[in-house]
Amino acid sequence: MKKTMKFLGLVLALIAYKNAFFPTVAYAYIDPSTTTYLIQAIAGIAVAVGSFVVIYWRRAKKRLNEKMGINLDKNKEVEEDVIVKDDQEA
């Protein structure tokens, strides 16, 4: 697994080096509406990835707290529910 990760890192580093120092020229026109769609797609992916990370971070944190016996709610004050009944009819 470590060798695979090292190899993948090396490949990504080489690709980044090639793209940074040997750029290719593209004679193409990008329509402004295409750009807005691209921005929307990137924003949607960012929101989805962020939600995924937050959900699984909270789950992992909860499991870790349970395994370590940490109770974050032990000093929390809970108020009783107040129920008001109006028996008089207008």
N, C-alpha and C. Protein backbone atom coordinates (compact mmCIF):
# COMPACT_ATOMS: atom_id res chain seq x y z
N MET A 1 0.82 -1.18 0.00
CA MET A 1 0.00 0.00 0.00
C MET A 1 0.88 1.26 0.00
N LYS A 2 1.96 1.25 0.80
CA LYS A 2 2.83 2.41 0.85
C LYS A 2 3.52 2.64 -0.49
N LYS A 3 3.92 1.55 -1.15
CA LYS A 3 4.58 1.69 -2.45
C LYS A 3 3.61 2.27 -3.47
N THR A 4 2.37 1.83 -3.42
CA THR A 4 1.36 2.34 -4.35
C THR A 4 1.12 3.82 -4.12
N MET A 5 1.03 4.24 -2.87
CA MET A 5 0.81 5.65 -2.56
C MET A 5 2.01 6.49 -2.98
N LYS A 6 3.22 5.98 -2.76
CA LYS A 6 4.42 6.70 -3.19
C LYS A 6 4.45 6.84 -4.71
N PHE A 7 4.10 5.77 -5.41
CA PHE A 7 4.09 5.79 -6.86
C PHE A 7 3.05 6.78 -7.37
N LEU A 8 1.85 6.76 -6.75
CA LEU A 8 0.80 7.68 -7.15
C LEU A 8 1.21 9.13 -6.89
N GLY A 9 1.85 9.39 -5.77
CA GLY A 9 2.35 10.73 -5.48
C GLY A 9 3.39 11.18 -6.48
N LEU A 10 4.29 10.28 -6.87
CA LEU A 10 5.31 10.60 -7.86
C LEU A 10 4.68 10.93 -9.21
N VAL A 11 3.71 10.13 -9.61
CA VAL A 11 3.03 10.37 -10.89
C VAL A 11 2.33 11.72 -10.87
N LEU A 12 1.62 12.02 -9.78
CA LEU A 12 0.93 13.30 -9.68
C LEU A 12 1.91 14.47 -9.66
N ALA A 13 3.04 14.31 -9.00
CA ALA A 13 4.05 15.35 -8.98
C ALA A 13 4.62 15.58 -10.38
N LEU A 14 4.86 14.52 -11.11
CA LEU A 14 5.38 14.66 -12.48
C LEU A 14 4.37 15.33 -13.39
N ILE A 15 3.11 14.99 -13.24
CA ILE A 15 2.07 15.63 -14.05
C ILE A 15 1.98 17.12 -13.73
N ALA A 16 2.03 17.46 -12.44
CA ALA A 16 1.98 18.86 -12.02
C ALA A 16 3.19 19.61 -12.57
N TYR A 17 4.36 19.02 -12.53
CA TYR A 17 5.59 19.63 -13.06
C TYR A 17 5.46 19.88 -14.55
N LYS A 18 4.98 18.88 -15.27
CA LYS A 18 4.82 18.99 -16.73
C LYS A 18 3.84 20.10 -17.07
N ASN A 19 2.72 20.16 -16.36
CA ASN A 19 1.71 21.17 -16.65
C ASN A 19 2.17 22.56 -16.26
N ALA A 20 2.98 22.68 -15.22
CA ALA A 20 3.43 23.99 -14.78
C ALA A 20 4.51 24.57 -15.69
N PHE A 21 5.44 23.74 -16.15
CA PHE A 21 6.58 24.25 -16.90
C PHE A 21 6.51 24.02 -18.41
N PHE A 22 5.61 23.19 -18.88
CA PHE A 22 5.45 22.93 -20.31
C PHE A 22 3.97 23.00 -20.69
N PRO A 23 3.40 24.20 -20.61
CA PRO A 23 1.96 24.31 -20.90
C PRO A 23 1.69 24.09 -22.38
N THR A 24 0.50 23.60 -22.68
CA THR A 24 0.09 23.42 -24.06
C THR A 24 -0.83 24.57 -24.44
N VAL A 25 -0.78 24.96 -25.68
CA VAL A 25 -1.61 26.06 -26.16
C VAL A 25 -2.85 25.47 -26.81
N ALA A 26 -4.00 25.96 -26.38
CA ALA A 26 -5.25 25.50 -26.96
C ALA A 26 -5.93 26.68 -27.62
N TYR A 27 -6.18 26.56 -28.91
CA TYR A 27 -6.88 27.60 -29.64
C TYR A 27 -8.36 27.22 -29.64
N ALA A 28 -9.04 27.58 -28.56
CA ALA A 28 -10.44 27.20 -28.42
C ALA A 28 -11.20 28.35 -27.79
N TYR A 29 -12.49 28.35 -28.02
CA TYR A 29 -13.35 29.37 -27.47
C TYR A 29 -14.26 28.70 -26.42
N ILE A 30 -14.29 29.28 -25.24
CA ILE A 30 -15.18 28.78 -24.20
C ILE A 30 -16.29 29.79 -24.02
N ASP A 31 -17.49 29.36 -24.28
CA ASP A 31 -18.66 30.22 -24.16
C ASP A 31 -18.89 30.60 -22.70
N PRO A 32 -19.29 31.84 -22.41
CA PRO A 32 -19.53 32.23 -21.02
C PRO A 32 -20.56 31.35 -20.31
N SER A 33 -21.58 30.89 -21.01
CA SER A 33 -22.57 30.04 -20.36
C SER A 33 -21.96 28.70 -19.97
N THR A 34 -21.01 28.22 -20.74
CA THR A 34 -20.31 26.99 -20.38
C THR A 34 -19.50 27.20 -19.10
N THR A 35 -18.91 28.36 -18.97
CA THR A 35 -18.14 28.66 -17.78
C THR A 35 -19.03 28.68 -16.54
N THR A 36 -20.23 29.27 -16.65
CA THR A 36 -21.12 29.30 -15.49
C THR A 36 -21.57 27.89 -15.12
N TYR A 37 -21.82 27.04 -16.11
CA TYR A 37 -22.17 25.64 -15.80
C TYR A 37 -21.02 24.94 -15.10
N LEU A 38 -19.80 25.22 -15.54
CA LEU A 38 -18.63 24.62 -14.92
C LEU A 38 -18.49 25.09 -13.47
N ILE A 39 -18.70 26.39 -13.23
CA ILE A 39 -18.63 26.91 -11.87
C ILE A 39 -19.70 26.28 -11.00
N GLN A 40 -20.92 26.13 -11.52
CA GLN A 40 -22.00 25.50 -10.77
C GLN A 40 -21.67 24.05 -10.44
N ALA A 41 -21.10 23.34 -11.39
CA ALA A 41 -20.74 21.94 -11.15
C ALA A 41 -19.67 21.83 -10.08
N ILE A 42 -18.67 22.69 -10.14
CA ILE A 42 -17.60 22.67 -9.14
C ILE A 42 -18.15 23.02 -7.76
N ALA A 43 -19.05 24.02 -7.70
CA ALA A 43 -19.66 24.40 -6.42
C ALA A 43 -20.50 23.25 -5.86
N GLY A 44 -21.24 22.57 -6.72
CA GLY A 44 -22.04 21.42 -6.27
C GLY A 44 -21.18 20.30 -5.74
N ILE A 45 -20.09 20.03 -6.41
CA ILE A 45 -19.16 18.99 -5.95
C ILE A 45 -18.55 19.39 -4.61
N ALA A 46 -18.19 20.67 -4.47
CA ALA A 46 -17.60 21.14 -3.21
C ALA A 46 -18.59 21.00 -2.06
N VAL A 47 -19.86 21.33 -2.29
CA VAL A 47 -20.87 21.20 -1.24
C VAL A 47 -21.08 19.74 -0.88
N ALA A 48 -21.14 18.87 -1.89
CA ALA A 48 -21.35 17.44 -1.63
C ALA A 48 -20.18 16.85 -0.85
N VAL A 49 -18.96 17.18 -1.24
CA VAL A 49 -17.78 16.67 -0.55
C VAL A 49 -17.72 17.21 0.88
N GLY A 50 -18.03 18.48 1.04
CA GLY A 50 -18.05 19.07 2.38
C GLY A 50 -19.07 18.41 3.28
N SER A 51 -20.26 18.15 2.75
CA SER A 51 -21.29 17.47 3.54
C SER A 51 -20.85 16.07 3.92
N PHE A 52 -20.27 15.36 2.98
CA PHE A 52 -19.78 14.01 3.23
C PHE A 52 -18.75 14.01 4.35
N VAL A 53 -17.81 14.93 4.28
CA VAL A 53 -16.74 15.01 5.28
C VAL A 53 -17.32 15.32 6.65
N VAL A 54 -18.24 16.29 6.73
CA VAL A 54 -18.81 16.67 8.01
C VAL A 54 -19.60 15.52 8.63
N ILE A 55 -20.40 14.84 7.82
CA ILE A 55 -21.22 13.73 8.34
C ILE A 55 -20.32 12.63 8.88
N TYR A 56 -19.33 12.21 8.13
CA TYR A 56 -18.48 11.12 8.59
C TYR A 56 -17.53 11.55 9.70
N TRP A 57 -17.16 12.82 9.75
CA TRP A 57 -16.34 13.32 10.86
C TRP A 57 -17.13 13.22 12.16
N ARG A 58 -18.39 13.64 12.13
CA ARG A 58 -19.21 13.58 13.34
C ARG A 58 -19.44 12.14 13.79
N ARG A 59 -19.67 11.25 12.83
CA ARG A 59 -19.85 9.83 13.19
C ARG A 59 -18.58 9.26 13.82
N ALA A 60 -17.46 9.56 13.23
CA ALA A 60 -16.19 9.05 13.77
C ALA A 60 -15.92 9.62 15.15
N LYS A 61 -16.20 10.89 15.32
CA LYS A 61 -16.00 11.54 16.62
C LYS A 61 -16.91 10.93 17.68
N LYS A 62 -18.16 10.66 17.31
CA LYS A 62 -19.11 10.04 18.24
C LYS A 62 -18.64 8.64 18.64
N ARG A 63 -18.20 7.85 17.68
CA ARG A 63 -17.72 6.50 17.99
C ARG A 63 -16.49 6.54 18.88
N LEU A 64 -15.59 7.45 18.59
CA LEU A 64 -14.37 7.57 19.38
C LEU A 64 -14.71 7.98 20.81
N ASN A 65 -15.63 8.94 20.97
CA ASN A 65 -16.04 9.35 22.31
C ASN A 65 -16.70 8.20 23.08
N GLU A 66 -17.50 7.39 22.38
CA GLU A 66 -18.14 6.24 23.04
C GLU A 66 -17.11 5.21 23.47
N LYS A 67 -16.12 4.94 22.62
CA LYS A 67 -15.10 3.95 22.96
C LYS A 67 -14.21 4.42 24.10
N MET A 68 -13.97 5.73 24.16
CA MET A 68 -13.12 6.26 25.22
C MET A 68 -13.90 6.58 26.48
N GLY A 69 -15.22 6.44 26.43
CA GLY A 69 -16.04 6.69 27.60
C GLY A 69 -16.21 8.17 27.91
N ILE A 70 -16.15 9.00 26.90
CA ILE A 70 -16.29 10.44 27.10
C ILE A 70 -17.75 10.81 26.85
N ASN A 71 -18.38 11.47 27.84
CA ASN A 71 -19.75 11.92 27.70
C ASN A 71 -19.76 13.44 27.68
N LEU A 72 -20.03 14.01 26.52
CA LEU A 72 -20.01 15.45 26.38
C LEU A 72 -21.25 16.12 26.95
N ASP A 73 -22.30 15.34 27.22
CA ASP A 73 -23.55 15.90 27.70
C ASP A 73 -23.72 15.78 29.21
N LYS A 74 -22.71 15.37 29.95
CA LYS A 74 -22.88 15.10 31.37
C LYS A 74 -23.15 16.37 32.18
N ASN A 75 -22.64 17.52 31.79
CA ASN A 75 -22.86 18.76 32.52
C ASN A 75 -23.93 19.64 31.89
N LYS A 76 -24.64 19.10 30.94
CA LYS A 76 -25.65 19.87 30.25
C LYS A 76 -26.92 19.96 31.08
N GLU A 77 -27.49 21.15 31.18
CA GLU A 77 -28.74 21.33 31.91
C GLU A 77 -29.89 21.22 30.92
N VAL A 78 -30.88 20.42 31.29
CA VAL A 78 -32.04 20.22 30.43
C VAL A 78 -33.26 20.75 31.15
N GLU A 79 -34.01 21.61 30.50
CA GLU A 79 -35.21 22.16 31.08
C GLU A 79 -36.39 21.26 30.77
N GLU A 80 -37.34 21.26 31.67
CA GLU A 80 -38.55 20.47 31.46
C GLU A 80 -39.43 21.16 30.43
N ASP A 81 -40.23 20.37 29.72
CA ASP A 81 -41.15 20.92 28.75
C ASP A 81 -42.28 21.63 29.48
N VAL A 82 -42.66 22.78 28.99
CA VAL A 82 -43.77 23.54 29.57
C VAL A 82 -44.96 23.36 28.67
N ILE A 83 -46.06 22.82 29.23
CA ILE A 83 -47.28 22.60 28.47
C ILE A 83 -48.36 23.49 29.07
N VAL A 84 -48.91 24.34 28.22
CA VAL A 84 -49.97 25.26 28.67
C VAL A 84 -51.27 24.81 28.02
N LYS A 85 -52.28 24.55 28.86
CA LYS A 85 -53.58 24.15 28.35
C LYS A 85 -54.56 25.27 28.61
N ASP A 86 -55.32 25.60 27.63
CA ASP A 86 -56.35 26.63 27.79
C ASP A 86 -57.70 25.93 27.74
N ASP A 87 -58.31 25.79 28.91
CA ASP A 87 -59.57 25.07 29.01
C ASP A 87 -60.79 25.95 28.70
N GLN A 88 -60.60 27.23 28.62
CA GLN A 88 -61.74 28.12 28.36
C GLN A 88 -61.95 28.25 26.86
N GLU A 89 -63.20 28.14 26.48
CA GLU A 89 -63.55 28.30 25.07
C GLU A 89 -64.15 29.67 24.88
N ALA A 90 -63.90 30.28 23.76
CA ALA A 90 -64.39 31.63 23.51
C ALA A 90 -65.83 31.64 23.03
